[in-house]
Amino acid sequence: MDRELLIEIGLEELPASWLPNLTRQVAEKLEAHLRAMRIAPGAPVESFSTPRRLTARVAKIAERQEDLEETITGPPVSAAFKDGRPTPAALGFARKQGVDFEHITRLKTAKGEYLAFNKKQRGKSAVDALPDLMTAFLRDIAFPKQMNWDARLEDGRENFVFGRPIRWLLFLYGGRVVPYTIGRAANAAASTVQEVESGALTYGHRFLATSGRAGRSIKVRSFDEYQARLSEHFVVLAHSERRDRIARELEKHARRLGARVHLTEHAALIDEVADLVEFPGVVAGFFDRSFLELPHEVLTTTLVHHQHWFPVMTEDGKLKEAFLAVVNTQPQDERTIAKNAERVVTARLRDAKFFWEADRRIPLESRLERLHTLQFHKKLGSYRDKAERIEKLARWIASSPDAFGKPEAADDAAKAARLAKADLTSDMVFEFPELQGTMGGVYARA
């Protein structure tokens, strides 16, 4: 009879940029280890993630491992006997297989005749095999950075490291807990480090799940119950559901402002913020209209790249003095949250406005000498040297009949190339590195 396998690894908050790859890894590596342990899944391996959990579910796996039958080859027959008696090599091969020499057979191959042993091993029950699978699975998950948190696994290897400390482990097979322990290292530096034992318990949203008390555990026995109970405790498990919820909330709040938000343009940002939260909500904030005098690129970079918030556009396509922020809560009083967000944005925009006004007092041509202070490459010189090489190349391309063949544009092309790196010395690019290359064009037009 096939039964459901459900695993949830509860962690300290993971960076959003890690989650897409980790979600794929969890499914791929769990399936690989199931097959390696001869417990082939009878249904696709599903994986989910939020900032605080990595979840895997297989609707059906077998109750037992498949029996193992394999032929193990030993030394060649020519080296296995001397004067009709087995040599130490032959006896050692039998001893290694745990049998008397009488059970050893011979196998003819293209390379000659060898001693062989037909090994048969009855498969363990899934409950007995799954702890070993969990150990291999946990060891195999790769993170951009690992943390040593004074934990160990019962596999004889060194301390167990992971992307973030594990706080709980939901490990169910057929609705029953598979016993498993992540131990405390003998030389643990902190006395507060505790063992993590598997159970049938999960946890809801860190702040909103307040039935009884915040952080109260939730008992589950199946994936359907697990998903339903998490939803009741303010955790949206599927990334796609969080993303769709964010998109709907953004559109709703934009309509309230009599404006719109470009969901297609900001699709990557929506995907990213969906991995920053477990229960997404949206609040609207505002900034002073005078900041609209800043270039469009500066405003959107401040909101999108620095704060992960969404610019709002008027119906005629101009920026509005408002933004939408995704939060990990269900705000009762949006203005309280929005005011804090507005303070952050206002401070950033004041800096940008100061840099914008200060940078425009110095023409781009006057910045060229400062490029000598920025090294491009130790063997290729400074950025000023690079700009001069680009200038020569641009003039040659514009003048060459084999290329564009527009000699009248050669001077303009050379000047554009000469100034291409000048914005690297501006205060704006120093504060907002994402704008390098872009601000040069903005300052040139200004």
Protein backbone atom coordinates (compact mmCIF):
# COMPACT_ATOMS: atom_id res chain seq x y z
CA MET A 1 0.00 0.00 0.00
CA ASP A 2 1.43 3.39 -1.03
CA ARG A 3 1.52 6.17 1.56
CA GLU A 4 2.15 9.91 1.60
CA LEU A 5 5.52 11.40 2.58
CA LEU A 6 5.50 14.96 3.96
CA ILE A 7 8.61 16.88 5.02
CA GLU A 8 8.84 20.45 6.27
CA ILE A 9 12.14 21.99 7.36
CA GLY A 10 11.41 25.03 9.53
CA LEU A 11 14.17 27.63 9.51
CA GLU A 12 15.23 31.09 10.46
CA GLU A 13 14.34 33.50 7.62
CA LEU A 14 15.98 32.66 4.29
CA PRO A 15 16.99 35.36 1.76
CA ALA A 16 14.40 35.71 -0.99
CA SER A 17 17.02 35.28 -3.71
CA TRP A 18 17.74 31.74 -2.47
CA LEU A 19 14.19 30.40 -2.58
CA PRO A 20 13.66 29.69 -6.31
CA ASN A 21 16.75 27.50 -6.50
CA LEU A 22 16.06 25.84 -3.14
CA THR A 23 12.51 24.99 -4.19
CA ARG A 24 13.86 23.20 -7.27
CA GLN A 25 16.59 21.49 -5.27
CA VAL A 26 14.20 20.12 -2.67
CA ALA A 27 12.11 18.34 -5.33
CA GLU A 28 15.03 17.12 -7.44
CA LYS A 29 17.22 15.90 -4.61
CA LEU A 30 14.45 14.23 -2.64
CA GLU A 31 13.42 12.29 -5.72
CA ALA A 32 17.05 11.34 -6.43
CA HIS A 33 17.58 10.04 -2.89
CA LEU A 34 14.29 8.13 -2.91
CA ARG A 35 15.34 6.34 -6.09
CA ALA A 36 18.88 5.76 -4.79
CA MET A 37 17.37 4.07 -1.71
CA ARG A 38 15.07 1.97 -3.91
CA ILE A 39 11.89 3.69 -2.73
CA ALA A 40 10.70 4.98 -6.07
CA PRO A 41 8.02 7.67 -5.73
CA GLY A 42 4.63 6.72 -7.10
CA ALA A 43 3.73 10.38 -7.75
CA PRO A 44 5.62 13.57 -8.63
CA VAL A 45 7.64 15.19 -5.85
CA GLU A 46 6.07 18.57 -5.02
CA SER A 47 8.08 21.30 -3.32
CA PHE A 48 7.15 24.63 -1.74
CA SER A 49 8.95 27.36 0.13
CA THR A 50 8.41 30.48 2.19
CA PRO A 51 11.05 32.54 4.00
CA ARG A 52 10.65 30.25 7.05
CA ARG A 53 10.11 26.79 5.56
CA LEU A 54 11.14 24.32 2.85
CA THR A 55 8.43 21.75 2.17
CA ALA A 56 8.32 18.55 0.10
CA ARG A 57 5.44 16.21 -0.48
CA VAL A 58 5.15 12.89 -2.32
CA ALA A 59 1.58 11.66 -2.53
CA LYS A 60 2.63 8.01 -2.82
CA ILE A 61 5.74 6.07 -1.90
CA ALA A 62 5.99 2.32 -1.30
CA GLU A 63 5.88 0.72 2.14
CA ARG A 64 9.16 -1.11 1.55
CA GLN A 65 12.38 -0.71 -0.33
CA GLU A 66 12.72 -2.84 -3.42
CA ASP A 67 14.79 -5.99 -2.82
CA LEU A 68 18.38 -5.62 -3.98
CA GLU A 69 19.98 -8.30 -6.13
CA GLU A 70 23.39 -7.69 -7.64
CA THR A 71 26.45 -9.60 -8.76
CA ILE A 72 29.70 -8.48 -7.16
CA THR A 73 32.89 -9.45 -8.96
CA GLY A 74 36.12 -10.28 -7.16
CA PRO A 75 39.67 -11.20 -8.18
CA PRO A 76 40.35 -13.12 -11.41
CA VAL A 77 40.27 -16.90 -11.11
CA SER A 78 43.94 -17.00 -12.17
CA ALA A 79 44.85 -15.15 -8.96
CA ALA A 80 42.26 -16.86 -6.78
CA PHE A 81 43.78 -20.35 -6.66
CA LYS A 82 47.22 -21.80 -6.15
CA ASP A 83 47.80 -25.51 -6.30
CA GLY A 84 44.04 -25.95 -6.31
CA ARG A 85 43.54 -24.09 -3.03
CA PRO A 86 42.02 -20.58 -2.62
CA THR A 87 44.56 -17.82 -2.18
CA PRO A 88 44.33 -15.12 0.54
CA ALA A 89 42.82 -12.80 -2.11
CA ALA A 90 39.99 -15.24 -2.76
CA LEU A 91 39.36 -15.88 0.94
CA GLY A 92 39.44 -12.13 1.63
CA PHE A 93 36.80 -11.53 -1.05
CA ALA A 94 34.47 -14.10 0.57
CA ARG A 95 35.11 -12.65 4.00
CA LYS A 96 34.29 -9.15 2.73
CA GLN A 97 30.91 -10.42 1.49
CA GLY A 98 30.22 -12.05 4.84
CA VAL A 99 29.94 -15.62 3.50
CA ASP A 100 31.99 -18.83 3.41
CA PHE A 101 34.11 -19.44 0.34
CA GLU A 102 31.75 -22.25 -0.77
CA HIS A 103 29.14 -19.60 -1.65
CA ILE A 104 31.45 -17.85 -4.12
CA THR A 105 30.76 -18.59 -7.80
CA ARG A 106 32.58 -17.89 -11.05
CA LEU A 107 31.65 -15.39 -13.72
CA LYS A 108 32.89 -15.39 -17.31
CA THR A 109 33.37 -11.97 -18.89
CA ALA A 110 34.99 -10.59 -22.02
CA LYS A 111 38.12 -9.93 -19.94
CA GLY A 112 38.31 -13.42 -18.47
CA GLU A 113 36.90 -15.48 -15.61
CA TYR A 114 36.41 -13.89 -12.18
CA LEU A 115 35.17 -14.89 -8.76
CA ALA A 116 31.67 -13.54 -8.10
CA PHE A 117 28.99 -13.39 -5.44
CA ASN A 118 25.28 -13.04 -6.09
CA LYS A 119 24.16 -10.69 -3.34
CA LYS A 120 20.50 -10.62 -2.33
CA GLN A 121 19.25 -8.12 0.19
CA ARG A 122 15.67 -7.81 1.34
CA GLY A 123 14.45 -4.23 1.35
CA LYS A 124 13.80 -2.48 4.64
CA SER A 125 10.43 -1.05 5.51
CA ALA A 126 10.10 2.58 4.43
CA VAL A 127 9.82 3.70 8.07
CA ASP A 128 13.23 2.13 8.83
CA ALA A 129 14.86 3.50 5.67
CA LEU A 130 13.54 7.06 5.77
CA PRO A 131 15.84 8.34 8.57
CA ASP A 132 18.88 7.49 6.41
CA LEU A 133 17.18 9.20 3.49
CA MET A 134 16.62 12.35 5.58
CA THR A 135 20.29 12.48 6.56
CA ALA A 136 21.45 12.20 2.95
CA PHE A 137 18.80 14.72 1.84
CA LEU A 138 19.79 17.35 4.44
CA ARG A 139 23.48 16.94 3.64
CA ASP A 140 22.82 17.33 -0.08
CA ILE A 141 20.92 20.65 -0.10
CA ALA A 142 23.31 23.37 -1.28
CA PHE A 143 23.19 27.02 -0.22
CA PRO A 144 25.12 30.05 -1.47
CA LYS A 145 26.39 30.40 2.11
CA GLN A 146 26.38 27.84 4.92
CA MET A 147 26.00 28.42 8.67
CA ASN A 148 27.62 26.38 11.42
CA TRP A 149 25.11 26.33 14.26
CA ASP A 150 26.49 23.62 16.57
CA ALA A 151 24.33 20.82 15.15
CA ARG A 152 25.25 17.29 14.13
CA LEU A 153 23.73 14.29 12.35
CA GLU A 154 24.20 10.64 13.27
CA ASP A 155 26.29 9.78 10.22
CA GLY A 156 29.80 9.93 11.63
CA ARG A 157 30.70 13.09 9.75
CA GLU A 158 31.67 16.52 11.00
CA ASN A 159 29.26 19.12 12.34
CA PHE A 160 26.12 19.68 10.33
CA VAL A 161 26.01 23.01 8.47
CA PHE A 162 22.97 24.46 6.71
CA GLY A 163 21.83 27.72 5.12
CA ARG A 164 20.08 28.81 8.32
CA PRO A 165 19.54 27.12 11.71
CA ILE A 166 16.73 24.54 11.65
CA ARG A 167 14.08 25.24 14.29
CA TRP A 168 11.59 22.42 13.68
CA LEU A 169 11.20 19.34 11.48
CA LEU A 170 7.86 17.98 10.28
CA PHE A 171 8.49 14.41 9.10
CA LEU A 172 5.40 12.29 8.33
CA TYR A 173 4.96 9.01 6.47
CA GLY A 174 1.42 7.79 6.09
CA GLY A 175 0.29 10.31 8.70
CA ARG A 176 2.73 9.02 11.33
CA VAL A 177 5.90 10.67 12.60
CA VAL A 178 9.18 9.21 11.38
CA PRO A 179 11.56 9.44 14.36
CA TYR A 180 14.57 11.61 13.55
CA THR A 181 16.86 13.87 15.56
CA ILE A 182 19.24 16.66 14.64
CA GLY A 183 21.58 16.53 17.61
CA ARG A 184 23.50 19.14 19.52
CA ALA A 185 27.23 19.11 18.86
CA ALA A 186 29.29 17.95 21.84
CA ASN A 187 31.41 21.12 21.66
CA ALA A 188 28.45 23.48 21.12
CA ALA A 189 29.48 27.01 22.03
CA ALA A 190 26.04 28.10 23.25
CA SER A 191 24.16 26.30 25.99
CA THR A 192 20.87 27.40 24.37
CA VAL A 193 21.39 25.18 21.30
CA GLN A 194 18.74 22.44 21.47
CA GLU A 195 18.19 19.17 19.67
CA VAL A 196 15.57 19.24 16.93
CA GLU A 197 13.28 16.21 16.99
CA SER A 198 10.91 15.35 14.18
CA GLY A 199 7.21 15.64 14.86
CA ALA A 200 3.77 16.27 13.41
CA LEU A 201 3.98 19.97 14.23
CA THR A 202 4.30 23.05 12.07
CA TYR A 203 4.02 26.78 12.83
CA GLY A 204 2.00 29.59 11.34
CA HIS A 205 2.90 33.21 10.65
CA ARG A 206 5.38 34.58 13.18
CA PHE A 207 3.15 37.54 14.15
CA LEU A 208 -0.37 36.89 12.90
CA ALA A 209 -0.87 33.29 14.06
CA THR A 210 -2.18 34.22 17.49
CA SER A 211 -4.71 31.48 18.22
CA GLY A 212 -3.87 30.94 21.87
CA ARG A 213 -0.52 32.70 21.56
CA ALA A 214 1.86 33.86 18.86
CA GLY A 215 4.02 31.01 17.59
CA ARG A 216 1.69 28.27 18.79
CA SER A 217 2.36 24.90 17.13
CA ILE A 218 -0.14 23.30 14.74
CA LYS A 219 -0.60 19.53 14.56
CA VAL A 220 -1.20 17.97 11.14
CA ARG A 221 -1.42 14.46 9.67
CA SER A 222 -1.54 14.98 5.90
CA PHE A 223 -0.54 17.48 3.25
CA ASP A 224 -4.12 18.62 2.66
CA GLU A 225 -4.56 19.28 6.37
CA TYR A 226 -1.11 20.90 6.52
CA GLN A 227 -1.91 23.34 3.71
CA ALA A 228 -5.35 24.14 5.09
CA ARG A 229 -4.10 24.76 8.65
CA LEU A 230 -1.27 26.98 7.42
CA SER A 231 -3.79 29.02 5.46
CA GLU A 232 -5.86 29.43 8.64
CA HIS A 233 -2.71 30.65 10.41
CA PHE A 234 -1.80 33.26 7.79
CA VAL A 235 0.75 31.37 5.70
CA VAL A 236 0.26 31.19 1.93
CA LEU A 237 2.38 28.17 1.06
CA ALA A 238 2.58 28.31 -2.75
CA HIS A 239 4.76 31.00 -4.33
CA SER A 240 2.33 31.33 -7.25
CA GLU A 241 -0.54 32.11 -4.85
CA ARG A 242 1.50 34.75 -3.03
CA ARG A 243 2.52 36.32 -6.35
CA ASP A 244 -1.07 36.41 -7.65
CA ARG A 245 -2.30 37.84 -4.37
CA ILE A 246 0.31 40.61 -4.54
CA ALA A 247 -0.62 41.43 -8.14
CA ARG A 248 -4.33 41.71 -7.23
CA GLU A 249 -3.59 43.89 -4.20
CA LEU A 250 -1.31 46.17 -6.20
CA GLU A 251 -3.96 46.72 -8.86
CA LYS A 252 -6.65 47.33 -6.22
CA HIS A 253 -4.59 49.92 -4.35
CA ALA A 254 -3.52 51.62 -7.59
CA ARG A 255 -7.18 52.02 -8.61
CA ARG A 256 -7.92 53.61 -5.23
CA LEU A 257 -5.24 56.17 -6.05
CA GLY A 258 -6.75 56.82 -9.48
CA ALA A 259 -3.59 55.46 -11.07
CA ARG A 260 -2.05 52.22 -12.28
CA VAL A 261 1.00 50.05 -11.67
CA HIS A 262 2.96 48.32 -14.46
CA LEU A 263 2.77 44.68 -13.39
CA THR A 264 4.46 43.36 -16.54
CA GLU A 265 7.37 45.77 -16.22
CA HIS A 266 7.83 44.82 -12.57
CA ALA A 267 7.21 41.07 -12.92
CA ALA A 268 10.68 40.22 -11.56
CA LEU A 269 10.09 42.44 -8.52
CA ILE A 270 6.73 40.77 -7.84
CA ASP A 271 8.44 37.37 -7.96
CA GLU A 272 11.10 38.60 -5.54
CA VAL A 273 8.79 40.18 -2.96
CA ALA A 274 6.58 37.07 -3.05
CA ASP A 275 9.56 35.27 -1.48
CA LEU A 276 10.02 37.94 1.19
CA VAL A 277 6.65 37.32 2.84
CA GLU A 278 4.38 34.52 4.03
CA PHE A 279 1.13 36.48 4.08
CA PRO A 280 1.41 39.42 1.67
CA GLY A 281 -0.41 42.70 2.12
CA VAL A 282 -0.04 46.05 0.34
CA VAL A 283 0.01 49.60 1.70
CA ALA A 284 0.14 52.89 -0.20
CA GLY A 285 2.55 55.68 0.68
CA PHE A 286 3.20 59.18 -0.63
CA PHE A 287 6.12 61.59 -1.04
CA ASP A 288 6.38 65.31 -1.73
CA ARG A 289 5.48 66.41 -5.27
CA SER A 290 8.74 68.35 -5.52
CA PHE A 291 10.61 65.06 -5.86
CA LEU A 292 8.87 64.53 -9.21
CA GLU A 293 11.41 67.00 -10.59
CA LEU A 294 14.02 64.26 -10.25
CA PRO A 295 14.70 62.14 -13.34
CA HIS A 296 12.37 59.19 -13.79
CA GLU A 297 15.35 56.81 -13.54
CA VAL A 298 16.36 58.13 -10.12
CA LEU A 299 12.86 57.87 -8.66
CA THR A 300 12.25 54.34 -9.89
CA THR A 301 15.71 53.15 -8.81
CA THR A 302 15.11 54.49 -5.30
CA LEU A 303 11.75 52.76 -5.04
CA VAL A 304 12.41 49.51 -6.92
CA HIS A 305 16.07 48.63 -6.37
CA HIS A 306 16.59 50.08 -2.90
CA GLN A 307 13.22 49.59 -1.20
CA HIS A 308 11.58 46.84 -3.33
CA TRP A 309 8.50 49.03 -3.66
CA PHE A 310 6.36 49.78 -6.71
CA PRO A 311 6.13 53.16 -8.49
CA VAL A 312 2.63 54.35 -9.37
CA MET A 313 1.83 55.94 -12.74
CA THR A 314 -0.90 58.36 -13.74
CA GLU A 315 -3.22 57.47 -16.61
CA ASP A 316 -1.09 59.52 -19.03
CA GLY A 317 2.04 57.54 -18.10
CA LYS A 318 3.71 60.00 -15.71
CA LEU A 319 5.04 59.14 -12.26
CA LYS A 320 2.68 59.92 -9.41
CA GLU A 321 3.86 61.10 -5.98
CA ALA A 322 2.95 57.71 -4.50
CA PHE A 323 4.26 54.17 -4.15
CA LEU A 324 2.96 50.74 -3.13
CA ALA A 325 4.80 48.59 -0.59
CA VAL A 326 4.33 44.87 0.01
CA VAL A 327 4.32 43.94 3.70
CA ASN A 328 4.33 40.63 5.56
CA THR A 329 1.17 41.26 7.53
CA GLN A 330 -2.51 42.08 7.37
CA PRO A 331 -2.48 45.80 8.24
CA GLN A 332 -5.35 47.05 10.35
CA ASP A 333 -4.11 50.63 10.21
CA GLU A 334 -2.33 51.07 6.87
CA ARG A 335 -1.37 54.68 7.61
CA THR A 336 0.84 53.68 10.54
CA ILE A 337 2.91 51.40 8.31
CA ALA A 338 2.79 53.84 5.40
CA LYS A 339 4.13 56.72 7.51
CA ASN A 340 7.23 54.72 8.41
CA ALA A 341 7.74 53.80 4.75
CA GLU A 342 7.30 57.43 3.72
CA ARG A 343 10.01 58.54 6.14
CA VAL A 344 12.45 56.06 4.58
CA VAL A 345 11.60 57.09 1.00
CA THR A 346 11.74 60.79 1.80
CA ALA A 347 15.23 60.44 3.27
CA ARG A 348 16.46 58.57 0.19
CA LEU A 349 14.88 61.06 -2.21
CA ARG A 350 16.34 64.02 -0.34
CA ASP A 351 19.79 62.50 -0.83
CA ALA A 352 19.05 61.91 -4.52
CA LYS A 353 17.83 65.49 -4.96
CA PHE A 354 20.97 66.86 -3.32
CA PHE A 355 23.20 64.74 -5.58
CA TRP A 356 21.14 65.72 -8.65
CA GLU A 357 21.59 69.42 -7.97
CA ALA A 358 25.27 69.12 -7.00
CA ASP A 359 26.26 66.97 -9.98
CA ARG A 360 24.71 69.35 -12.51
CA ARG A 361 27.02 72.15 -11.37
CA ILE A 362 29.94 70.25 -12.92
CA PRO A 363 29.82 69.58 -16.71
CA LEU A 364 30.58 66.04 -17.83
CA GLU A 365 33.69 67.25 -19.70
CA SER A 366 35.09 68.56 -16.43
CA ARG A 367 34.80 65.11 -14.86
CA LEU A 368 37.14 63.42 -17.33
CA GLU A 369 40.31 64.16 -15.37
CA ARG A 370 38.84 62.50 -12.28
CA LEU A 371 38.52 59.28 -14.27
CA HIS A 372 42.31 58.95 -13.86
CA THR A 373 41.62 58.21 -10.17
CA LEU A 374 39.49 55.13 -11.01
CA GLN A 375 41.44 52.07 -12.06
CA PHE A 376 39.89 49.96 -14.80
CA HIS A 377 42.55 47.22 -14.79
CA LYS A 378 46.08 47.17 -13.46
CA LYS A 379 47.44 46.28 -16.93
CA LEU A 380 45.05 48.50 -18.91
CA GLY A 381 45.14 51.69 -16.90
CA SER A 382 42.41 53.96 -15.59
CA TYR A 383 38.87 54.59 -16.80
CA ARG A 384 40.19 57.73 -18.52
CA ASP A 385 42.53 55.51 -20.56
CA LYS A 386 39.59 53.25 -21.37
CA ALA A 387 37.44 56.23 -22.42
CA GLU A 388 40.18 57.45 -24.81
CA ARG A 389 40.38 54.01 -26.41
CA ILE A 390 36.59 53.93 -26.83
CA GLU A 391 36.71 57.43 -28.33
CA LYS A 392 39.23 56.37 -31.01
CA LEU A 393 37.26 53.24 -31.78
CA ALA A 394 33.95 55.14 -32.08
CA ARG A 395 35.48 57.72 -34.45
CA TRP A 396 36.96 54.96 -36.62
CA ILE A 397 33.65 53.05 -36.78
CA ALA A 398 31.66 56.18 -37.70
CA SER A 399 34.19 57.18 -40.37
CA SER A 400 34.83 53.75 -41.87
CA PRO A 401 33.04 53.09 -45.19
CA ASP A 402 33.00 49.40 -44.25
CA ALA A 403 30.97 50.20 -41.13
CA PHE A 404 28.36 52.98 -40.84
CA GLY A 405 30.11 55.23 -43.30
CA LYS A 406 28.83 58.51 -41.81
CA PRO A 407 31.90 60.78 -41.45
CA GLU A 408 29.65 63.74 -40.50
CA ALA A 409 28.71 61.84 -37.32
CA ALA A 410 32.29 61.00 -36.36
CA ASP A 411 32.74 63.97 -34.02
CA ASP A 412 29.47 63.29 -32.21
CA ALA A 413 30.28 59.59 -31.89
CA ALA A 414 33.74 60.38 -30.53
CA LYS A 415 32.35 62.86 -28.00
CA ALA A 416 29.69 60.40 -26.79
CA ALA A 417 32.36 57.73 -26.37
CA ARG A 418 34.70 60.11 -24.54
CA LEU A 419 31.94 60.96 -22.03
CA ALA A 420 30.57 57.43 -21.71
CA LYS A 421 32.33 56.77 -18.39
CA ALA A 422 32.23 60.30 -16.97
CA ASP A 423 29.24 59.65 -14.72
CA LEU A 424 31.33 57.19 -12.66
CA THR A 425 32.74 60.22 -10.81
CA SER A 426 29.30 61.68 -10.01
CA ASP A 427 27.85 61.64 -6.50
CA MET A 428 24.62 60.13 -7.83
CA VAL A 429 26.33 57.04 -9.25
CA PHE A 430 28.46 56.72 -6.12
CA GLU A 431 25.25 56.51 -4.06
CA PHE A 432 23.19 54.61 -6.66
CA PRO A 433 25.61 52.29 -8.53
CA GLU A 434 22.71 50.79 -10.50
CA LEU A 435 22.50 54.08 -12.43
CA GLN A 436 26.02 54.02 -13.88
CA GLY A 437 25.81 54.50 -17.64
CA THR A 438 22.25 55.77 -17.32
CA MET A 439 23.06 59.01 -15.45
CA GLY A 440 25.62 60.01 -18.06
CA GLY A 441 22.84 60.28 -20.62
CA VAL A 442 20.57 62.07 -18.17
CA TYR A 443 23.26 64.63 -17.29
CA ALA A 444 24.17 65.10 -20.95
CA ARG A 445 20.56 65.94 -21.81
CA ALA A 446 20.26 68.20 -18.77
